[in-house]
C-alpha atoms as a PDB file:
ATOM      1  CA  MET A   1     -10.025  -3.507  11.549  1.00  0.00           C
ATOM      2  CA  LYS A   2     -12.182  -6.489  10.545  1.00  0.00           C
ATOM      3  CA  ASN A   3     -15.282  -4.413  11.631  1.00  0.00           C
ATOM      4  CA  LYS A   4     -14.142  -1.585   9.338  1.00  0.00           C
ATOM      5  CA  LEU A   5     -13.548  -4.050   6.495  1.00  0.00           C
ATOM      6  CA  ASN A   6     -16.951  -5.684   6.896  1.00  0.00           C
ATOM      7  CA  THR A   7     -18.758  -2.372   6.997  1.00  0.00           C
ATOM      8  CA  ALA A   8     -16.883  -1.133   3.883  1.00  0.00           C
ATOM      9  CA  ILE A   9     -17.695  -4.305   2.060  1.00  0.00           C
ATOM     10  CA  ALA A  10     -21.382  -4.124   2.875  1.00  0.00           C
ATOM     11  CA  ALA A  11     -21.663  -0.412   1.882  1.00  0.00           C
ATOM     12  CA  LEU A  12     -19.877  -1.079  -1.381  1.00  0.00           C
ATOM     13  CA  PHE A  13     -22.106  -3.938  -2.087  1.00  0.00           C
ATOM     14  CA  VAL A  14     -25.168  -1.867  -1.503  1.00  0.00           C
ATOM     15  CA  ALA A  15     -23.796   0.943  -3.632  1.00  0.00           C
ATOM     16  CA  THR A  16     -22.876  -1.409  -6.443  1.00  0.00           C
ATOM     17  CA  ALA A  17     -26.275  -3.065  -6.500  1.00  0.00           C
ATOM     18  CA  SER A  18     -28.066   0.293  -6.717  1.00  0.00           C
ATOM     19  CA  MET A  19     -25.677   1.445  -9.402  1.00  0.00           C
ATOM     20  CA  ALA A  20     -26.075  -1.704 -11.350  1.00  0.00           C
ATOM     21  CA  ALA A  21     -29.864  -1.407 -11.325  1.00  0.00           C
ATOM     22  CA  MET A  22     -29.699   1.904 -13.056  1.00  0.00           C
ATOM     23  CA  ALA A  23     -26.828   1.248 -15.519  1.00  0.00           C
ATOM     24  CA  THR A  24     -27.646   1.176 -19.141  1.00  0.00           C
ATOM     25  CA  GLU A  25     -24.286  -0.321 -20.172  1.00  0.00           C
ATOM     26  CA  VAL A  26     -22.573  -2.972 -18.038  1.00  0.00           C
ATOM     27  CA  GLY A  27     -18.916  -3.742 -19.016  1.00  0.00           C
ATOM     28  CA  GLY A  28     -18.519  -6.987 -17.018  1.00  0.00           C
ATOM     29  CA  THR A  29     -15.600  -8.203 -14.885  1.00  0.00           C
ATOM     30  CA  TYR A  30     -11.821  -7.620 -15.126  1.00  0.00           C
ATOM     31  CA  VAL A  31      -8.810  -8.957 -13.287  1.00  0.00           C
ATOM     32  CA  THR A  32      -5.418  -7.333 -13.167  1.00  0.00           C
ATOM     33  CA  ALA A  33      -2.016  -8.569 -11.927  1.00  0.00           C
ATOM     34  CA  GLY A  34       1.052  -6.772 -11.627  1.00  0.00           C
ATOM     35  CA  MET A  35       4.182  -5.377  -9.666  1.00  0.00           C
ATOM     36  CA  MET A  36       4.238  -2.297  -7.617  1.00  0.00           C
ATOM     37  CA  LYS A  37       7.118  -0.250  -6.590  1.00  0.00           C
ATOM     38  CA  LEU A  38       6.571   1.219  -3.144  1.00  0.00           C
ATOM     39  CA  SER A  39       8.386   4.058  -1.471  1.00  0.00           C
ATOM     40  CA  THR A  40       7.652   5.325   2.001  1.00  0.00           C
ATOM     41  CA  GLU A  41       8.280   8.213   4.495  1.00  0.00           C
ATOM     42  CA  GLU A  42       8.267   5.741   7.301  1.00  0.00           C
ATOM     43  CA  PHE A  43      11.817   6.547   8.300  1.00  0.00           C
ATOM     44  CA  ASP A  44      12.035  10.132   7.033  1.00  0.00           C
ATOM     45  CA  SER A  45      12.480  11.415  10.632  1.00  0.00           C
ATOM     46  CA  VAL A  46      16.061   9.747  10.683  1.00  0.00           C
ATOM     47  CA  LYS A  47      17.025  10.244   7.127  1.00  0.00           C
ATOM     48  CA  GLY A  48      20.232  12.311   6.811  1.00  0.00           C
ATOM     49  CA  THR A  49      21.430  11.445  10.410  1.00  0.00           C
ATOM     50  CA  SER A  50      25.158  10.541  10.635  1.00  0.00           C
ATOM     51  CA  GLY A  51      25.630   6.807  11.006  1.00  0.00           C
ATOM     52  CA  VAL A  52      22.081   6.031   9.767  1.00  0.00           C
ATOM     53  CA  THR A  53      21.294   4.039   6.481  1.00  0.00           C
ATOM     54  CA  VAL A  54      17.690   4.046   5.345  1.00  0.00           C
ATOM     55  CA  ASP A  55      16.239   1.632   2.592  1.00  0.00           C
ATOM     56  CA  ASP A  56      12.754   3.101   1.910  1.00  0.00           C
ATOM     57  CA  GLU A  57      11.743   1.205  -1.197  1.00  0.00           C
ATOM     58  CA  ASP A  58      10.481  -2.186  -2.027  1.00  0.00           C
ATOM     59  CA  THR A  59       8.411  -3.917  -4.731  1.00  0.00           C
ATOM     60  CA  ALA A  60       5.328  -6.021  -4.150  1.00  0.00           C
ATOM     61  CA  ILE A  61       2.825  -8.034  -6.254  1.00  0.00           C
ATOM     62  CA  ASN A  62      -0.592  -6.518  -6.800  1.00  0.00           C
ATOM     63  CA  PHE A  63      -3.910  -8.223  -7.764  1.00  0.00           C
ATOM     64  CA  MET A  64      -7.243  -6.538  -8.345  1.00  0.00           C
ATOM     65  CA  VAL A  65     -10.691  -7.745  -9.324  1.00  0.00           C
ATOM     66  CA  GLY A  66     -13.101  -5.154 -10.701  1.00  0.00           C
ATOM     67  CA  TYR A  67     -16.704  -4.975 -11.825  1.00  0.00           C
ATOM     68  CA  GLN A  68     -17.643  -2.377 -14.542  1.00  0.00           C
ATOM     69  CA  VAL A  69     -20.948  -0.871 -13.376  1.00  0.00           C
ATOM     70  CA  ASP A  70     -21.388   1.315 -16.468  1.00  0.00           C
ATOM     71  CA  LYS A  71     -19.391   2.730 -19.405  1.00  0.00           C
ATOM     72  CA  ASN A  72     -17.042   4.650 -17.070  1.00  0.00           C
ATOM     73  CA  LEU A  73     -17.385   3.566 -13.408  1.00  0.00           C
ATOM     74  CA  SER A  74     -16.046   0.356 -11.930  1.00  0.00           C
ATOM     75  CA  VAL A  75     -15.927  -1.007  -8.321  1.00  0.00           C
ATOM     76  CA  GLU A  76     -12.703  -2.651  -7.338  1.00  0.00           C
ATOM     77  CA  ALA A  77     -11.301  -4.897  -4.633  1.00  0.00           C
ATOM     78  CA  GLY A  78      -7.708  -6.107  -4.527  1.00  0.00           C
ATOM     79  CA  ILE A  79      -4.468  -6.801  -2.557  1.00  0.00           C
ATOM     80  CA  ILE A  80      -0.957  -5.505  -2.388  1.00  0.00           C
ATOM     81  CA  GLY A  81       1.567  -8.114  -1.244  1.00  0.00           C
ATOM     82  CA  LYS A  82       3.909  -7.895   1.673  1.00  0.00           C
ATOM     83  CA  GLY A  83       6.681  -5.402   1.638  1.00  0.00           C
ATOM     84  CA  GLU A  84       9.409  -4.050   4.038  1.00  0.00           C
ATOM     85  CA  THR A  85      11.734  -1.114   4.636  1.00  0.00           C
ATOM     86  CA  SER A  86      14.489  -0.653   6.995  1.00  0.00           C
ATOM     87  CA  VAL A  87      16.900   1.773   8.886  1.00  0.00           C
ATOM     88  CA  SER A  88      20.220   0.800  10.274  1.00  0.00           C
ATOM     89  CA  PHE A  89      22.077   2.482  13.008  1.00  0.00           C
ATOM     90  CA  ALA A  90      25.865   2.253  13.327  1.00  0.00           C
ATOM     91  CA  GLY A  91      25.606   3.143  17.068  1.00  0.00           C
ATOM     92  CA  GLY A  92      25.407   6.074  19.301  1.00  0.00           C
ATOM     93  CA  GLU A  93      22.335   7.690  17.607  1.00  0.00           C
ATOM     94  CA  SER A  94      19.137   9.026  19.376  1.00  0.00           C
ATOM     95  CA  GLY A  95      16.137  10.803  18.222  1.00  0.00           C
ATOM     96  CA  THR A  96      12.500  10.200  17.388  1.00  0.00           C
ATOM     97  CA  LEU A  97      10.896   7.382  15.333  1.00  0.00           C
ATOM     98  CA  ASN A  98       7.164   6.905  14.736  1.00  0.00           C
ATOM     99  CA  GLY A  99       6.695   9.791  17.114  1.00  0.00           C
ATOM    100  CA  LYS A 100       8.572   8.164  20.013  1.00  0.00           C
ATOM    101  CA  SER A 101      12.011   8.535  21.288  1.00  0.00           C
ATOM    102  CA  TYR A 102      14.905   6.041  20.675  1.00  0.00           C
ATOM    103  CA  SER A 103      18.542   5.663  21.415  1.00  0.00           C
ATOM    104  CA  VAL A 104      20.959   3.242  19.991  1.00  0.00           C
ATOM    105  CA  SER A 105      24.292   1.686  21.322  1.00  0.00           C
ATOM    106  CA  GLY A 106      25.989  -0.775  18.952  1.00  0.00           C
ATOM    107  CA  VAL A 107      24.774  -2.027  15.543  1.00  0.00           C
ATOM    108  CA  VAL A 108      21.026  -2.070  15.186  1.00  0.00           C
ATOM    109  CA  THR A 109      18.684  -2.518  12.286  1.00  0.00           C
ATOM    110  CA  ALA A 110      14.944  -1.665  12.451  1.00  0.00           C
ATOM    111  CA  THR A 111      12.607  -3.091   9.889  1.00  0.00           C
ATOM    112  CA  ALA A 112       9.043  -2.148   9.156  1.00  0.00           C
ATOM    113  CA  LYS A 113       7.173  -5.090   7.606  1.00  0.00           C
ATOM    114  CA  THR A 114       3.670  -4.675   6.238  1.00  0.00           C
ATOM    115  CA  ASP A 115       1.460  -7.718   5.816  1.00  0.00           C
ATOM    116  CA  ALA A 116      -0.623  -8.025   2.596  1.00  0.00           C
ATOM    117  CA  SER A 117      -2.838  -4.856   2.483  1.00  0.00           C
ATOM    118  CA  LYS A 118      -6.404  -5.045   1.204  1.00  0.00           C
ATOM    119  CA  MET A 119      -7.946  -2.433  -1.019  1.00  0.00           C
ATOM    120  CA  LEU A 120     -11.580  -1.457  -1.701  1.00  0.00           C
ATOM    121  CA  GLY A 121     -12.716   1.420  -4.055  1.00  0.00           C
ATOM    122  CA  VAL A 122     -13.885   2.728  -7.291  1.00  0.00           C
ATOM    123  CA  LYS A 123     -12.289   3.637 -10.657  1.00  0.00           C
ATOM    124  CA  TYR A 124     -13.661   6.203 -13.077  1.00  0.00           C
ATOM    125  CA  ALA A 125     -12.248   5.723 -16.705  1.00  0.00           C
ATOM    126  CA  SER A 126     -12.553   7.858 -19.840  1.00  0.00           C
ATOM    127  CA  SER A 127     -11.635   6.743 -23.341  1.00  0.00           C
ATOM    128  CA  VAL A 128      -9.089   8.862 -25.332  1.00  0.00           C
ATOM    129  CA  ASP A 129      -9.551   6.492 -28.436  1.00  0.00           C
ATOM    130  CA  GLU A 130     -10.570   2.946 -29.019  1.00  0.00           C
ATOM    131  CA  ASN A 131      -7.372   1.564 -27.456  1.00  0.00           C
ATOM    132  CA  PHE A 132      -6.391   4.035 -24.939  1.00  0.00           C
ATOM    133  CA  ASP A 133      -8.017   5.077 -21.648  1.00  0.00           C
ATOM    134  CA  VAL A 134      -7.154   7.192 -18.676  1.00  0.00           C
ATOM    135  CA  TYR A 135      -8.589   6.834 -15.193  1.00  0.00           C
ATOM    136  CA  GLY A 136      -8.700   8.010 -11.626  1.00  0.00           C
ATOM    137  CA  LYS A 137      -9.296   5.739  -8.571  1.00  0.00           C
ATOM    138  CA  ALA A 138      -9.933   6.174  -4.912  1.00  0.00           C
ATOM    139  CA  GLY A 139     -10.839   3.982  -1.965  1.00  0.00           C
ATOM    140  CA  MET A 140      -9.666   2.435   1.394  1.00  0.00           C
ATOM    141  CA  LEU A 141      -6.584   0.601   2.188  1.00  0.00           C
ATOM    142  CA  PHE A 142      -6.502  -1.825   5.140  1.00  0.00           C
ATOM    143  CA  TRP A 143      -3.007  -2.461   6.380  1.00  0.00           C
ATOM    144  CA  ASP A 144      -1.061  -4.189   9.202  1.00  0.00           C
ATOM    145  CA  ILE A 145       2.515  -3.168  10.096  1.00  0.00           C
ATOM    146  CA  GLU A 146       5.186  -4.827  12.362  1.00  0.00           C
ATOM    147  CA  GLY A 147       8.476  -3.311  13.614  1.00  0.00           C
ATOM    148  CA  VAL A 148      11.265  -5.804  14.173  1.00  0.00           C
ATOM    149  CA  VAL A 149      14.592  -4.951  15.544  1.00  0.00           C
ATOM    150  CA  SER A 150      17.861  -6.787  14.792  1.00  0.00           C
ATOM    151  CA  ALA A 151      20.627  -5.999  17.160  1.00  0.00           C
ATOM    152  CA  ALA A 152      24.138  -6.592  18.264  1.00  0.00           C
ATOM    153  CA  GLY A 153      23.905  -3.943  20.910  1.00  0.00           C
ATOM    154  CA  THR A 154      21.173  -1.976  22.626  1.00  0.00           C
ATOM    155  CA  LEU A 155      18.065  -0.206  21.470  1.00  0.00           C
ATOM    156  CA  THR A 156      15.795   1.906  23.752  1.00  0.00           C
ATOM    157  CA  TYR A 157      12.507   2.753  22.168  1.00  0.00           C
ATOM    158  CA  ASP A 158       9.601   4.453  23.930  1.00  0.00           C
ATOM    159  CA  GLY A 159      11.169   3.607  27.281  1.00  0.00           C
ATOM    160  CA  THR A 160      11.782  -0.064  26.669  1.00  0.00           C
ATOM    161  CA  THR A 161      15.239  -1.356  26.263  1.00  0.00           C
ATOM    162  CA  TYR A 162      16.167  -4.344  24.012  1.00  0.00           C
ATOM    163  CA  THR A 163      19.614  -5.731  24.686  1.00  0.00           C
ATOM    164  CA  GLY A 164      21.908  -8.431  23.086  1.00  0.00           C
ATOM    165  CA  SER A 165      21.965 -10.271  19.843  1.00  0.00           C
ATOM    166  CA  GLY A 166      19.020 -11.491  17.873  1.00  0.00           C
ATOM    167  CA  THR A 167      15.624 -10.166  16.879  1.00  0.00           C
ATOM    168  CA  ALA A 168      12.540  -8.790  18.651  1.00  0.00           C
ATOM    169  CA  THR A 169       9.370  -7.048  17.720  1.00  0.00           C
ATOM    170  CA  TYR A 170       9.129  -3.509  19.111  1.00  0.00           C
ATOM    171  CA  TYR A 171       6.110  -2.194  17.364  1.00  0.00           C
ATOM    172  CA  THR A 172       2.752  -3.338  15.920  1.00  0.00           C
ATOM    173  CA  ASN A 173      -0.134  -1.445  14.436  1.00  0.00           C
ATOM    174  CA  ASP A 174      -3.045  -1.880  12.053  1.00  0.00           C
ATOM    175  CA  GLY A 175      -5.682   0.381  10.543  1.00  0.00           C
ATOM    176  CA  SER A 176      -7.350   1.847   7.447  1.00  0.00           C
ATOM    177  CA  ASP A 177      -6.660   5.036   5.466  1.00  0.00           C
ATOM    178  CA  PRO A 178      -7.752   6.383   2.070  1.00  0.00           C
ATOM    179  CA  TYR A 179      -5.874   5.966  -1.179  1.00  0.00           C
ATOM    180  CA  TYR A 180      -6.042   7.800  -4.575  1.00  0.00           C
ATOM    181  CA  GLY A 181      -4.342   7.674  -7.855  1.00  0.00           C
ATOM    182  CA  ILE A 182      -4.322   8.127 -11.564  1.00  0.00           C
ATOM    183  CA  GLY A 183      -3.468   5.848 -14.423  1.00  0.00           C
ATOM    184  CA  ALA A 184      -3.693   4.811 -18.133  1.00  0.00           C
ATOM    185  CA  SER A 185      -4.560   1.656 -19.945  1.00  0.00           C
ATOM    186  CA  TYR A 186      -3.619   0.406 -23.351  1.00  0.00           C
ATOM    187  CA  LYS A 187      -5.719  -2.321 -25.035  1.00  0.00           C
ATOM    188  CA  ILE A 188      -3.634  -5.052 -26.780  1.00  0.00           C
ATOM    189  CA  ASN A 189      -6.654  -6.895 -27.934  1.00  0.00           C
ATOM    190  CA  SER A 190     -10.439  -7.287 -27.185  1.00  0.00           C
ATOM    191  CA  THR A 191      -9.661  -8.970 -23.792  1.00  0.00           C
ATOM    192  CA  THR A 192      -6.122  -7.784 -22.620  1.00  0.00           C
ATOM    193  CA  SER A 193      -4.728  -4.451 -21.623  1.00  0.00           C
ATOM    194  CA  ILE A 194      -1.649  -3.036 -20.066  1.00  0.00           C
ATOM    195  CA  ASN A 195      -2.126  -0.700 -17.119  1.00  0.00           C
ATOM    196  CA  ALA A 196       0.186   1.791 -15.565  1.00  0.00           C
ATOM    197  CA  ASP A 197      -0.884   3.730 -12.486  1.00  0.00           C
ATOM    198  CA  TYR A 198       0.412   5.923  -9.592  1.00  0.00           C
ATOM    199  CA  LEU A 199      -1.108   5.521  -6.226  1.00  0.00           C
ATOM    200  CA  LYS A 200      -0.930   7.800  -3.067  1.00  0.00           C
ATOM    201  CA  MET A 201      -1.528   5.777   0.172  1.00  0.00           C
ATOM    202  CA  GLU A 202      -0.859   6.249   3.885  1.00  0.00           C
ATOM    203  CA  VAL A 203       0.328   3.458   6.192  1.00  0.00           C
ATOM    204  CA  ASP A 204       0.808   4.188   9.948  1.00  0.00           C
ATOM    205  CA  ASP A 205       0.842   7.944   9.526  1.00  0.00           C
ATOM    206  CA  GLY A 206       3.554   7.606   6.826  1.00  0.00           C
ATOM    207  CA  ASP A 207       2.942   8.491   3.072  1.00  0.00           C
ATOM    208  CA  VAL A 208       3.512   5.753   0.651  1.00  0.00           C
ATOM    209  CA  ASP A 209       3.775   6.122  -3.147  1.00  0.00           C
ATOM    210  CA  GLY A 210       3.038   3.225  -5.387  1.00  0.00           C
ATOM    211  CA  LEU A 211       4.052   2.868  -9.038  1.00  0.00           C
ATOM    212  CA  ASN A 212       2.165  -0.084 -10.610  1.00  0.00           C
ATOM    213  CA  LEU A 213       2.477  -1.926 -13.864  1.00  0.00           C
ATOM    214  CA  ALA A 214      -0.086  -4.580 -14.485  1.00  0.00           C
ATOM    215  CA  VAL A 215      -1.745  -6.700 -17.055  1.00  0.00           C
ATOM    216  CA  ALA A 216      -5.571  -6.713 -17.093  1.00  0.00           C
ATOM    217  CA  PHE A 217      -7.922  -9.379 -18.443  1.00  0.00           C
ATOM    218  CA  ASP A 218     -11.550  -8.754 -19.362  1.00  0.00           C
ATOM    219  CA  PHE A 219     -14.298 -11.414 -19.028  1.00  0.00           C
END
């Protein structure tokens, strides 16, 4: 994952330098800070199963730093804070989770925890009027995920059995996937704007939707 991130950063730096050299209007640097509501399909394979309760939403902080290359195009790097979703089994269930078989005896809760995810991409904005912009964005999301089971019983997952009371890690993975989205920005004054955007992402082969509300500061 680190090699992918370093390669992406290097490529983005070269692209940014090339575009900046050709730009006739440079808008400078901006920073955004906000909260993102996340919803995931991580546990969709067990949704609707009798005895299973799914919590597939969470909120996370979101920070972004951008550099406006020209009037419309910016390059961005940012971070989405930690989040988690969970599924609870009342006992006696079996099926498939993350593409692998499971069976449960007793009360078991499986939690998917994502570490802070890094973002690297571009944004293209177009002005509607002097205060209102619309934009689209796309890039790469670099993620880490951990599956933790809390049990008062037995969970068998992918052929491994976890028994007793307490917690244990049953799954870990990391990777990178594209993201894309749309949004709008309303300028409050010459240096401050309110941004609202919708992002479509993928984490561990599960689709994630993000609704973000943020404040942007221009420098």
